[in-house]
Amino acid sequence: MLNSINTNAGAMIALQNLNATNSELTTTQQRINTGKKISNAKDNGAIWSMAKMQSTTSQSLNAVKDSLQRGQSTIDVGLAAGDTITDLLGKMKEKALAASDTS
């Protein structure tokens, strides 16, 4: 940088500090907006890649869990229906025996 009579060293240092602060502010705002320390590959490619893989795995496991819960609900409904049918058959048997009893 060439020095001249018009150069204000204090102003130049203040400008450099302001630029650094603005850069840090942008990074902090990005972290706040995403809720993540590493919000994109530019921050740290290796960690971002691992985080993406873990996020995808977590989403896959959540989908499997939801499917298993739906399956469990279906089985519960089937078991309840089976119990109801068993009760009805028992009542039908009682009524048939009562109807056939001639005494």
PDB file of N, CA and C in Angstrom:
ATOM      1  N   MET A   1       0.844  -1.152   0.000  1.00  0.00           N
ATOM      2  CA  MET A   1       0.000   0.000   0.000  1.00  0.00           C
ATOM      3  C   MET A   1       0.905   1.235   0.000  1.00  0.00           C
ATOM      4  N   LEU A   2       0.623   2.132  -0.874  1.00  0.00           N
ATOM      5  CA  LEU A   2       1.420   3.345  -0.950  1.00  0.00           C
ATOM      6  C   LEU A   2       0.944   4.346   0.085  1.00  0.00           C
ATOM      7  N   ASN A   3       1.891   4.942   0.756  1.00  0.00           N
ATOM      8  CA  ASN A   3       1.545   5.975   1.726  1.00  0.00           C
ATOM      9  C   ASN A   3       1.466   7.311   1.013  1.00  0.00           C
ATOM     10  N   SER A   4       0.493   8.053   1.370  1.00  0.00           N
ATOM     11  CA  SER A   4       0.374   9.399   0.814  1.00  0.00           C
ATOM     12  C   SER A   4      -0.024  10.338   1.935  1.00  0.00           C
ATOM     13  N   ILE A   5      -0.052  11.566   1.612  1.00  0.00           N
ATOM     14  CA  ILE A   5      -0.414  12.572   2.609  1.00  0.00           C
ATOM     15  C   ILE A   5      -1.866  12.384   3.039  1.00  0.00           C
ATOM     16  N   ASN A   6      -2.711  11.872   2.136  1.00  0.00           N
ATOM     17  CA  ASN A   6      -4.135  11.741   2.412  1.00  0.00           C
ATOM     18  C   ASN A   6      -4.492  10.442   3.145  1.00  0.00           C
ATOM     19  N   THR A   7      -3.533   9.563   3.400  1.00  0.00           N
ATOM     20  CA  THR A   7      -3.826   8.296   4.061  1.00  0.00           C
ATOM     21  C   THR A   7      -3.938   8.510   5.557  1.00  0.00           C
ATOM     22  N   ASN A   8      -5.046   8.042   6.109  1.00  0.00           N
ATOM     23  CA  ASN A   8      -5.273   8.126   7.542  1.00  0.00           C
ATOM     24  C   ASN A   8      -5.123   6.708   8.085  1.00  0.00           C
ATOM     25  N   ALA A   9      -4.008   6.448   8.753  1.00  0.00           N
ATOM     26  CA  ALA A   9      -3.709   5.095   9.231  1.00  0.00           C
ATOM     27  C   ALA A   9      -4.767   4.597  10.197  1.00  0.00           C
ATOM     28  N   GLY A  10      -5.238   5.452  11.066  1.00  0.00           N
ATOM     29  CA  GLY A  10      -6.270   5.052  12.025  1.00  0.00           C
ATOM     30  C   GLY A  10      -7.557   4.645  11.325  1.00  0.00           C
ATOM     31  N   ALA A  11      -7.925   5.393  10.280  1.00  0.00           N
ATOM     32  CA  ALA A  11      -9.139   5.078   9.531  1.00  0.00           C
ATOM     33  C   ALA A  11      -8.984   3.756   8.788  1.00  0.00           C
ATOM     34  N   MET A  12      -7.794   3.489   8.262  1.00  0.00           N
ATOM     35  CA  MET A  12      -7.547   2.231   7.552  1.00  0.00           C
ATOM     36  C   MET A  12      -7.661   1.038   8.509  1.00  0.00           C
ATOM     37  N   ILE A  13      -7.104   1.171   9.699  1.00  0.00           N
ATOM     38  CA  ILE A  13      -7.188   0.095  10.694  1.00  0.00           C
ATOM     39  C   ILE A  13      -8.641  -0.110  11.114  1.00  0.00           C
ATOM     40  N   ALA A  14      -9.359   0.979  11.311  1.00  0.00           N
ATOM     41  CA  ALA A  14     -10.773   0.886  11.686  1.00  0.00           C
ATOM     42  C   ALA A  14     -11.579   0.200  10.584  1.00  0.00           C
ATOM     43  N   LEU A  15     -11.262   0.493   9.322  1.00  0.00           N
ATOM     44  CA  LEU A  15     -11.949  -0.134   8.196  1.00  0.00           C
ATOM     45  C   LEU A  15     -11.663  -1.632   8.147  1.00  0.00           C
ATOM     46  N   GLN A  16     -10.409  -2.010   8.374  1.00  0.00           N
ATOM     47  CA  GLN A  16     -10.064  -3.438   8.406  1.00  0.00           C
ATOM     48  C   GLN A  16     -10.809  -4.151   9.531  1.00  0.00           C
ATOM     49  N   ASN A  17     -10.865  -3.523  10.698  1.00  0.00           N
ATOM     50  CA  ASN A  17     -11.587  -4.117  11.828  1.00  0.00           C
ATOM     51  C   ASN A  17     -13.081  -4.240  11.525  1.00  0.00           C
ATOM     52  N   LEU A  18     -13.643  -3.222  10.877  1.00  0.00           N
ATOM     53  CA  LEU A  18     -15.055  -3.253  10.516  1.00  0.00           C
ATOM     54  C   LEU A  18     -15.339  -4.385   9.529  1.00  0.00           C
ATOM     55  N   ASN A  19     -14.467  -4.550   8.545  1.00  0.00           N
ATOM     56  CA  ASN A  19     -14.641  -5.633   7.574  1.00  0.00           C
ATOM     57  C   ASN A  19     -14.557  -7.001   8.247  1.00  0.00           C
ATOM     58  N   ALA A  20     -13.620  -7.163   9.169  1.00  0.00           N
ATOM     59  CA  ALA A  20     -13.490  -8.436   9.889  1.00  0.00           C
ATOM     60  C   ALA A  20     -14.727  -8.698  10.746  1.00  0.00           C
ATOM     61  N   THR A  21     -15.214  -7.656  11.406  1.00  0.00           N
ATOM     62  CA  THR A  21     -16.415  -7.797  12.243  1.00  0.00           C
ATOM     63  C   THR A  21     -17.629  -8.150  11.395  1.00  0.00           C
ATOM     64  N   ASN A  22     -17.764  -7.529  10.239  1.00  0.00           N
ATOM     65  CA  ASN A  22     -18.881  -7.841   9.340  1.00  0.00           C
ATOM     66  C   ASN A  22     -18.818  -9.287   8.865  1.00  0.00           C
ATOM     67  N   SER A  23     -17.619  -9.767   8.578  1.00  0.00           N
ATOM     68  CA  SER A  23     -17.454 -11.156   8.151  1.00  0.00           C
ATOM     69  C   SER A  23     -17.870 -12.118   9.264  1.00  0.00           C
ATOM     70  N   GLU A  24     -17.427 -11.833  10.486  1.00  0.00           N
ATOM     71  CA  GLU A  24     -17.793 -12.679  11.626  1.00  0.00           C
ATOM     72  C   GLU A  24     -19.292 -12.603  11.902  1.00  0.00           C
ATOM     73  N   LEU A  25     -19.878 -11.425  11.727  1.00  0.00           N
ATOM     74  CA  LEU A  25     -21.316 -11.252  11.935  1.00  0.00           C
ATOM     75  C   LEU A  25     -22.105 -12.088  10.928  1.00  0.00           C
ATOM     76  N   THR A  26     -21.656 -12.095   9.687  1.00  0.00           N
ATOM     77  CA  THR A  26     -22.319 -12.899   8.662  1.00  0.00           C
ATOM     78  C   THR A  26     -22.272 -14.378   9.023  1.00  0.00           C
ATOM     79  N   THR A  27     -21.115 -14.842   9.477  1.00  0.00           N
ATOM     80  CA  THR A  27     -20.977 -16.241   9.888  1.00  0.00           C
ATOM     81  C   THR A  27     -21.902 -16.559  11.057  1.00  0.00           C
ATOM     82  N   THR A  28     -21.942 -15.678  12.035  1.00  0.00           N
ATOM     83  CA  THR A  28     -22.799 -15.890  13.208  1.00  0.00           C
ATOM     84  C   THR A  28     -24.268 -15.889  12.820  1.00  0.00           C
ATOM     85  N   GLN A  29     -24.669 -14.979  11.951  1.00  0.00           N
ATOM     86  CA  GLN A  29     -26.063 -14.937  11.507  1.00  0.00           C
ATOM     87  C   GLN A  29     -26.431 -16.215  10.758  1.00  0.00           C
ATOM     88  N   GLN A  30     -25.522 -16.727   9.957  1.00  0.00           N
ATOM     89  CA  GLN A  30     -25.768 -17.978   9.227  1.00  0.00           C
ATOM     90  C   GLN A  30     -25.965 -19.128  10.206  1.00  0.00           C
ATOM     91  N   ARG A  31     -25.143 -19.174  11.247  1.00  0.00           N
ATOM     92  CA  ARG A  31     -25.273 -20.231  12.254  1.00  0.00           C
ATOM     93  C   ARG A  31     -26.591 -20.111  13.005  1.00  0.00           C
ATOM     94  N   ILE A  32     -26.990 -18.890  13.313  1.00  0.00           N
ATOM     95  CA  ILE A  32     -28.261 -18.678  14.019  1.00  0.00           C
ATOM     96  C   ILE A  32     -29.427 -19.080  13.123  1.00  0.00           C
ATOM     97  N   ASN A  33     -29.374 -18.696  11.857  1.00  0.00           N
ATOM     98  CA  ASN A  33     -30.466 -18.998  10.930  1.00  0.00           C
ATOM     99  C   ASN A  33     -30.641 -20.492  10.709  1.00  0.00           C
ATOM    100  N   THR A  34     -29.546 -21.228  10.625  1.00  0.00           N
ATOM    101  CA  THR A  34     -29.645 -22.667  10.361  1.00  0.00           C
ATOM    102  C   THR A  34     -29.684 -23.486  11.641  1.00  0.00           C
ATOM    103  N   GLY A  35     -29.220 -22.918  12.742  1.00  0.00           N
ATOM    104  CA  GLY A  35     -29.141 -23.681  13.986  1.00  0.00           C
ATOM    105  C   GLY A  35     -27.981 -24.659  13.985  1.00  0.00           C
ATOM    106  N   LYS A  36     -27.076 -24.519  13.046  1.00  0.00           N
ATOM    107  CA  LYS A  36     -25.951 -25.450  12.921  1.00  0.00           C
ATOM    108  C   LYS A  36     -24.639 -24.679  12.854  1.00  0.00           C
ATOM    109  N   LYS A  37     -23.609 -25.264  13.471  1.00  0.00           N
ATOM    110  CA  LYS A  37     -22.290 -24.637  13.412  1.00  0.00           C
ATOM    111  C   LYS A  37     -21.723 -24.741  11.999  1.00  0.00           C
ATOM    112  N   ILE A  38     -21.924 -25.890  11.373  1.00  0.00           N
ATOM    113  CA  ILE A  38     -21.480 -26.113   9.995  1.00  0.00           C
ATOM    114  C   ILE A  38     -22.746 -26.140   9.142  1.00  0.00           C
ATOM    115  N   SER A  39     -23.046 -25.036   8.465  1.00  0.00           N
ATOM    116  CA  SER A  39     -24.310 -24.951   7.736  1.00  0.00           C
ATOM    117  C   SER A  39     -24.184 -25.288   6.255  1.00  0.00           C
ATOM    118  N   ASN A  40     -22.960 -25.288   5.740  1.00  0.00           N
ATOM    119  CA  ASN A  40     -22.772 -25.682   4.344  1.00  0.00           C
ATOM    120  C   ASN A  40     -21.361 -26.226   4.158  1.00  0.00           C
ATOM    121  N   ALA A  41     -21.097 -26.775   3.000  1.00  0.00           N
ATOM    122  CA  ALA A  41     -19.813 -27.426   2.741  1.00  0.00           C
ATOM    123  C   ALA A  41     -18.647 -26.445   2.792  1.00  0.00           C
ATOM    124  N   LYS A  42     -18.920 -25.181   2.570  1.00  0.00           N
ATOM    125  CA  LYS A  42     -17.854 -24.178   2.582  1.00  0.00           C
ATOM    126  C   LYS A  42     -17.262 -24.005   3.980  1.00  0.00           C
ATOM    127  N   ASP A  43     -18.091 -24.205   5.026  1.00  0.00           N
ATOM    128  CA  ASP A  43     -17.601 -24.037   6.395  1.00  0.00           C
ATOM    129  C   ASP A  43     -16.564 -25.098   6.750  1.00  0.00           C
ATOM    130  N   ASN A  44     -16.883 -26.353   6.473  1.00  0.00           N
ATOM    131  CA  ASN A  44     -15.963 -27.471   6.724  1.00  0.00           C
ATOM    132  C   ASN A  44     -16.531 -28.665   5.982  1.00  0.00           C
ATOM    133  N   GLY A  45     -15.978 -28.945   4.820  1.00  0.00           N
ATOM    134  CA  GLY A  45     -16.529 -29.953   3.921  1.00  0.00           C
ATOM    135  C   GLY A  45     -16.652 -31.340   4.520  1.00  0.00           C
ATOM    136  N   ALA A  46     -15.624 -31.791   5.234  1.00  0.00           N
ATOM    137  CA  ALA A  46     -15.635 -33.149   5.780  1.00  0.00           C
ATOM    138  C   ALA A  46     -16.711 -33.304   6.847  1.00  0.00           C
ATOM    139  N   ILE A  47     -16.765 -32.367   7.766  1.00  0.00           N
ATOM    140  CA  ILE A  47     -17.763 -32.448   8.842  1.00  0.00           C
ATOM    141  C   ILE A  47     -19.163 -32.257   8.271  1.00  0.00           C
ATOM    142  N   TRP A  48     -19.325 -31.359   7.308  1.00  0.00           N
ATOM    143  CA  TRP A  48     -20.630 -31.147   6.692  1.00  0.00           C
ATOM    144  C   TRP A  48     -21.109 -32.425   6.017  1.00  0.00           C
ATOM    145  N   SER A  49     -20.205 -33.113   5.320  1.00  0.00           N
ATOM    146  CA  SER A  49     -20.558 -34.367   4.650  1.00  0.00           C
ATOM    147  C   SER A  49     -20.997 -35.419   5.661  1.00  0.00           C
ATOM    148  N   MET A  50     -20.257 -35.555   6.758  1.00  0.00           N
ATOM    149  CA  MET A  50     -20.630 -36.531   7.787  1.00  0.00           C
ATOM    150  C   MET A  50     -21.968 -36.162   8.416  1.00  0.00           C
ATOM    151  N   ALA A  51     -22.186 -34.879   8.656  1.00  0.00           N
ATOM    152  CA  ALA A  51     -23.451 -34.439   9.251  1.00  0.00           C
ATOM    153  C   ALA A  51     -24.618 -34.715   8.311  1.00  0.00           C
ATOM    154  N   LYS A  52     -24.411 -34.498   7.022  1.00  0.00           N
ATOM    155  CA  LYS A  52     -25.462 -34.786   6.043  1.00  0.00           C
ATOM    156  C   LYS A  52     -25.793 -36.277   6.033  1.00  0.00           C
ATOM    157  N   MET A  53     -24.757 -37.119   6.089  1.00  0.00           N
ATOM    158  CA  MET A  53     -24.988 -38.569   6.103  1.00  0.00           C
ATOM    159  C   MET A  53     -25.764 -38.973   7.354  1.00  0.00           C
ATOM    160  N   GLN A  54     -25.399 -38.414   8.500  1.00  0.00           N
ATOM    161  CA  GLN A  54     -26.096 -38.738   9.746  1.00  0.00           C
ATOM    162  C   GLN A  54     -27.530 -38.234   9.710  1.00  0.00           C
ATOM    163  N   SER A  55     -27.739 -37.072   9.142  1.00  0.00           N
ATOM    164  CA  SER A  55     -29.091 -36.526   9.026  1.00  0.00           C
ATOM    165  C   SER A  55     -29.953 -37.420   8.133  1.00  0.00           C
ATOM    166  N   THR A  56     -29.384 -37.876   7.030  1.00  0.00           N
ATOM    167  CA  THR A  56     -30.107 -38.763   6.124  1.00  0.00           C
ATOM    168  C   THR A  56     -30.419 -40.088   6.802  1.00  0.00           C
ATOM    169  N   THR A  57     -29.452 -40.624   7.534  1.00  0.00           N
ATOM    170  CA  THR A  57     -29.674 -41.873   8.263  1.00  0.00           C
ATOM    171  C   THR A  57     -30.771 -41.694   9.301  1.00  0.00           C
ATOM    172  N   SER A  58     -30.757 -40.588  10.000  1.00  0.00           N
ATOM    173  CA  SER A  58     -31.780 -40.307  11.007  1.00  0.00           C
ATOM    174  C   SER A  58     -33.161 -40.219  10.371  1.00  0.00           C
ATOM    175  N   GLN A  59     -33.258 -39.552   9.240  1.00  0.00           N
ATOM    176  CA  GLN A  59     -34.542 -39.443   8.548  1.00  0.00           C
ATOM    177  C   GLN A  59     -35.024 -40.813   8.084  1.00  0.00           C
ATOM    178  N   SER A  60     -34.105 -41.641   7.603  1.00  0.00           N
ATOM    179  CA  SER A  60     -34.472 -42.992   7.172  1.00  0.00           C
ATOM    180  C   SER A  60     -34.982 -43.815   8.345  1.00  0.00           C
ATOM    181  N   LEU A  61     -34.294 -43.733   9.472  1.00  0.00           N
ATOM    182  CA  LEU A  61     -34.721 -44.483  10.654  1.00  0.00           C
ATOM    183  C   LEU A  61     -36.072 -43.996  11.165  1.00  0.00           C
ATOM    184  N   ASN A  62     -36.324 -42.700  11.079  1.00  0.00           N
ATOM    185  CA  ASN A  62     -37.634 -42.173  11.471  1.00  0.00           C
ATOM    186  C   ASN A  62     -38.736 -42.707  10.563  1.00  0.00           C
ATOM    187  N   ALA A  63     -38.452 -42.823   9.267  1.00  0.00           N
ATOM    188  CA  ALA A  63     -39.440 -43.373   8.333  1.00  0.00           C
ATOM    189  C   ALA A  63     -39.722 -44.835   8.659  1.00  0.00           C
ATOM    190  N   VAL A  64     -38.679 -45.601   8.978  1.00  0.00           N
ATOM    191  CA  VAL A  64     -38.863 -47.006   9.350  1.00  0.00           C
ATOM    192  C   VAL A  64     -39.680 -47.104  10.631  1.00  0.00           C
ATOM    193  N   LYS A  65     -39.373 -46.254  11.604  1.00  0.00           N
ATOM    194  CA  LYS A  65     -40.113 -46.257  12.872  1.00  0.00           C
ATOM    195  C   LYS A  65     -41.591 -45.963  12.639  1.00  0.00           C
ATOM    196  N   ASP A  66     -41.881 -44.976  11.793  1.00  0.00           N
ATOM    197  CA  ASP A  66     -43.272 -44.645  11.488  1.00  0.00           C
ATOM    198  C   ASP A  66     -43.984 -45.821  10.824  1.00  0.00           C
ATOM    199  N   SER A  67     -43.299 -46.495   9.911  1.00  0.00           N
ATOM    200  CA  SER A  67     -43.894 -47.657   9.247  1.00  0.00           C
ATOM    201  C   SER A  67     -44.165 -48.776  10.240  1.00  0.00           C
ATOM    202  N   LEU A  68     -43.237 -49.012  11.143  1.00  0.00           N
ATOM    203  CA  LEU A  68     -43.437 -50.049  12.160  1.00  0.00           C
ATOM    204  C   LEU A  68     -44.604 -49.702  13.075  1.00  0.00           C
ATOM    205  N   GLN A  69     -44.746 -48.432  13.409  1.00  0.00           N
ATOM    206  CA  GLN A  69     -45.875 -48.022  14.252  1.00  0.00           C
ATOM    207  C   GLN A  69     -47.202 -48.225  13.533  1.00  0.00           C
ATOM    208  N   ARG A  70     -47.240 -47.932  12.229  1.00  0.00           N
ATOM    209  CA  ARG A  70     -48.464 -48.178  11.460  1.00  0.00           C
ATOM    210  C   ARG A  70     -48.763 -49.668  11.407  1.00  0.00           C
ATOM    211  N   GLY A  71     -47.734 -50.483  11.224  1.00  0.00           N
ATOM    212  CA  GLY A  71     -47.916 -51.935  11.226  1.00  0.00           C
ATOM    213  C   GLY A  71     -48.435 -52.427  12.564  1.00  0.00           C
ATOM    214  N   GLN A  72     -47.880 -51.902  13.644  1.00  0.00           N
ATOM    215  CA  GLN A  72     -48.329 -52.291  14.987  1.00  0.00           C
ATOM    216  C   GLN A  72     -49.789 -51.911  15.189  1.00  0.00           C
ATOM    217  N   SER A  73     -50.180 -50.743  14.716  1.00  0.00           N
ATOM    218  CA  SER A  73     -51.577 -50.312  14.832  1.00  0.00           C
ATOM    219  C   SER A  73     -52.500 -51.240  14.049  1.00  0.00           C
ATOM    220  N   THR A  74     -52.076 -51.643  12.863  1.00  0.00           N
ATOM    221  CA  THR A  74     -52.877 -52.562  12.051  1.00  0.00           C
ATOM    222  C   THR A  74     -53.047 -53.897  12.759  1.00  0.00           C
ATOM    223  N   ILE A  75     -51.974 -54.395  13.341  1.00  0.00           N
ATOM    224  CA  ILE A  75     -52.035 -55.664  14.076  1.00  0.00           C
ATOM    225  C   ILE A  75     -52.951 -55.529  15.287  1.00  0.00           C
ATOM    226  N   ASP A  76     -52.873 -54.417  15.993  1.00  0.00           N
ATOM    227  CA  ASP A  76     -53.740 -54.195  17.154  1.00  0.00           C
ATOM    228  C   ASP A  76     -55.214 -54.212  16.754  1.00  0.00           C
ATOM    229  N   VAL A  77     -55.531 -53.577  15.622  1.00  0.00           N
ATOM    230  CA  VAL A  77     -56.916 -53.572  15.138  1.00  0.00           C
ATOM    231  C   VAL A  77     -57.350 -54.993  14.790  1.00  0.00           C
ATOM    232  N   GLY A  78     -56.476 -55.751  14.135  1.00  0.00           N
ATOM    233  CA  GLY A  78     -56.794 -57.138  13.790  1.00  0.00           C
ATOM    234  C   GLY A  78     -57.032 -57.994  15.023  1.00  0.00           C
ATOM    235  N   LEU A  79     -56.201 -57.825  16.042  1.00  0.00           N
ATOM    236  CA  LEU A  79     -56.372 -58.589  17.284  1.00  0.00           C
ATOM    237  C   LEU A  79     -57.680 -58.227  17.981  1.00  0.00           C
ATOM    238  N   ALA A  80     -58.006 -56.947  17.998  1.00  0.00           N
ATOM    239  CA  ALA A  80     -59.270 -56.520  18.614  1.00  0.00           C
ATOM    240  C   ALA A  80     -60.456 -57.102  17.852  1.00  0.00           C
ATOM    241  N   ALA A  81     -60.371 -57.119  16.527  1.00  0.00           N
ATOM    242  CA  ALA A  81     -61.446 -57.708  15.720  1.00  0.00           C
ATOM    243  C   ALA A  81     -61.562 -59.202  15.998  1.00  0.00           C
ATOM    244  N   GLY A  82     -60.430 -59.884  16.127  1.00  0.00           N
ATOM    245  CA  GLY A  82     -60.449 -61.316  16.451  1.00  0.00           C
ATOM    246  C   GLY A  82     -61.101 -61.578  17.797  1.00  0.00           C
ATOM    247  N   ASP A  83     -60.804 -60.757  18.780  1.00  0.00           N
ATOM    248  CA  ASP A  83     -61.428 -60.907  20.104  1.00  0.00           C
ATOM    249  C   ASP A  83     -62.939 -60.707  20.019  1.00  0.00           C
ATOM    250  N   THR A  84     -63.359 -59.718  19.241  1.00  0.00           N
ATOM    251  CA  THR A  84     -64.793 -59.456  19.081  1.00  0.00           C
ATOM    252  C   THR A  84     -65.482 -60.643  18.407  1.00  0.00           C
ATOM    253  N   ILE A  85     -64.850 -61.190  17.377  1.00  0.00           N
ATOM    254  CA  ILE A  85     -65.414 -62.352  16.680  1.00  0.00           C
ATOM    255  C   ILE A  85     -65.509 -63.542  17.624  1.00  0.00           C
ATOM    256  N   THR A  86     -64.483 -63.761  18.426  1.00  0.00           N
ATOM    257  CA  THR A  86     -64.505 -64.865  19.394  1.00  0.00           C
ATOM    258  C   THR A  86     -65.657 -64.694  20.377  1.00  0.00           C
ATOM    259  N   ASP A  87     -65.850 -63.490  20.860  1.00  0.00           N
ATOM    260  CA  ASP A  87     -66.963 -63.225  21.784  1.00  0.00           C
ATOM    261  C   ASP A  87     -68.310 -63.484  21.112  1.00  0.00           C
ATOM    262  N   LEU A  88     -68.458 -63.012  19.874  1.00  0.00           N
ATOM    263  CA  LEU A  88     -69.722 -63.221  19.158  1.00  0.00           C
ATOM    264  C   LEU A  88     -69.985 -64.705  18.910  1.00  0.00           C
ATOM    265  N   LEU A  89     -68.956 -65.452  18.546  1.00  0.00           N
ATOM    266  CA  LEU A  89     -69.126 -66.894  18.325  1.00  0.00           C
ATOM    267  C   LEU A  89     -69.524 -67.597  19.617  1.00  0.00           C
ATOM    268  N   GLY A  90     -68.941 -67.160  20.722  1.00  0.00           N
ATOM    269  CA  GLY A  90     -69.316 -67.739  22.018  1.00  0.00           C
ATOM    270  C   GLY A  90     -70.780 -67.480  22.338  1.00  0.00           C
ATOM    271  N   LYS A  91     -71.253 -66.262  22.070  1.00  0.00           N
ATOM    272  CA  LYS A  91     -72.657 -65.927  22.314  1.00  0.00           C
ATOM    273  C   LYS A  91     -73.578 -66.718  21.387  1.00  0.00           C
ATOM    274  N   MET A  92     -73.142 -66.877  20.120  1.00  0.00           N
ATOM    275  CA  MET A  92     -73.947 -67.657  19.173  1.00  0.00           C
ATOM    276  C   MET A  92     -74.054 -69.111  19.626  1.00  0.00           C
ATOM    277  N   LYS A  93     -72.959 -69.657  20.142  1.00  0.00           N
ATOM    278  CA  LYS A  93     -72.973 -71.038  20.624  1.00  0.00           C
ATOM    279  C   LYS A  93     -73.931 -71.174  21.801  1.00  0.00           C
ATOM    280  N   GLU A  94     -73.866 -70.207  22.717  1.00  0.00           N
ATOM    281  CA  GLU A  94     -74.773 -70.236  23.872  1.00  0.00           C
ATOM    282  C   GLU A  94     -76.230 -70.188  23.421  1.00  0.00           C
ATOM    283  N   LYS A  95     -76.541 -69.329  22.461  1.00  0.00           N
ATOM    284  CA  LYS A  95     -77.916 -69.213  21.980  1.00  0.00           C
ATOM    285  C   LYS A  95     -78.348 -70.465  21.231  1.00  0.00           C
ATOM    286  N   ALA A  96     -77.432 -71.060  20.475  1.00  0.00           N
ATOM    287  CA  ALA A  96     -77.769 -72.296  19.758  1.00  0.00           C
ATOM    288  C   ALA A  96     -78.039 -73.421  20.744  1.00  0.00           C
ATOM    289  N   LEU A  97     -77.224 -73.516  21.784  1.00  0.00           N
ATOM    290  CA  LEU A  97     -77.447 -74.545  22.803  1.00  0.00           C
ATOM    291  C   LEU A  97     -78.754 -74.285  23.546  1.00  0.00           C
ATOM    292  N   ALA A  98     -79.033 -73.031  23.829  1.00  0.00           N
ATOM    293  CA  ALA A  98     -80.285 -72.694  24.526  1.00  0.00           C
ATOM    294  C   ALA A  98     -81.489 -73.012  23.647  1.00  0.00           C
ATOM    295  N   ALA A  99     -81.378 -72.780  22.352  1.00  0.00           N
ATOM    296  CA  ALA A  99     -82.492 -73.053  21.439  1.00  0.00           C
ATOM    297  C   ALA A  99     -82.705 -74.549  21.253  1.00  0.00           C
ATOM    298  N   SER A 100     -81.624 -75.331  21.314  1.00  0.00           N
ATOM    299  CA  SER A 100     -81.763 -76.778  21.115  1.00  0.00           C
ATOM    300  C   SER A 100     -82.152 -77.505  22.392  1.00  0.00           C
ATOM    301  N   ASP A 101     -82.046 -76.842  23.517  1.00  0.00           N
ATOM    302  CA  ASP A 101     -82.415 -77.457  24.799  1.00  0.00           C
ATOM    303  C   ASP A 101     -83.937 -77.480  24.897  1.00  0.00           C
ATOM    304  N   THR A 102     -84.508 -78.676  24.969  1.00  0.00           N
ATOM    305  CA  THR A 102     -85.968 -78.822  24.982  1.00  0.00           C
ATOM    306  C   THR A 102     -86.537 -78.916  26.385  1.00  0.00           C
ATOM    307  N   SER A 103     -85.714 -78.880  27.390  1.00  0.00           N
ATOM    308  CA  SER A 103     -86.250 -79.035  28.737  1.00  0.00           C
ATOM    309  C   SER A 103     -86.758 -77.776  29.349  1.00  0.00           C
TER     310      SER A 103
END
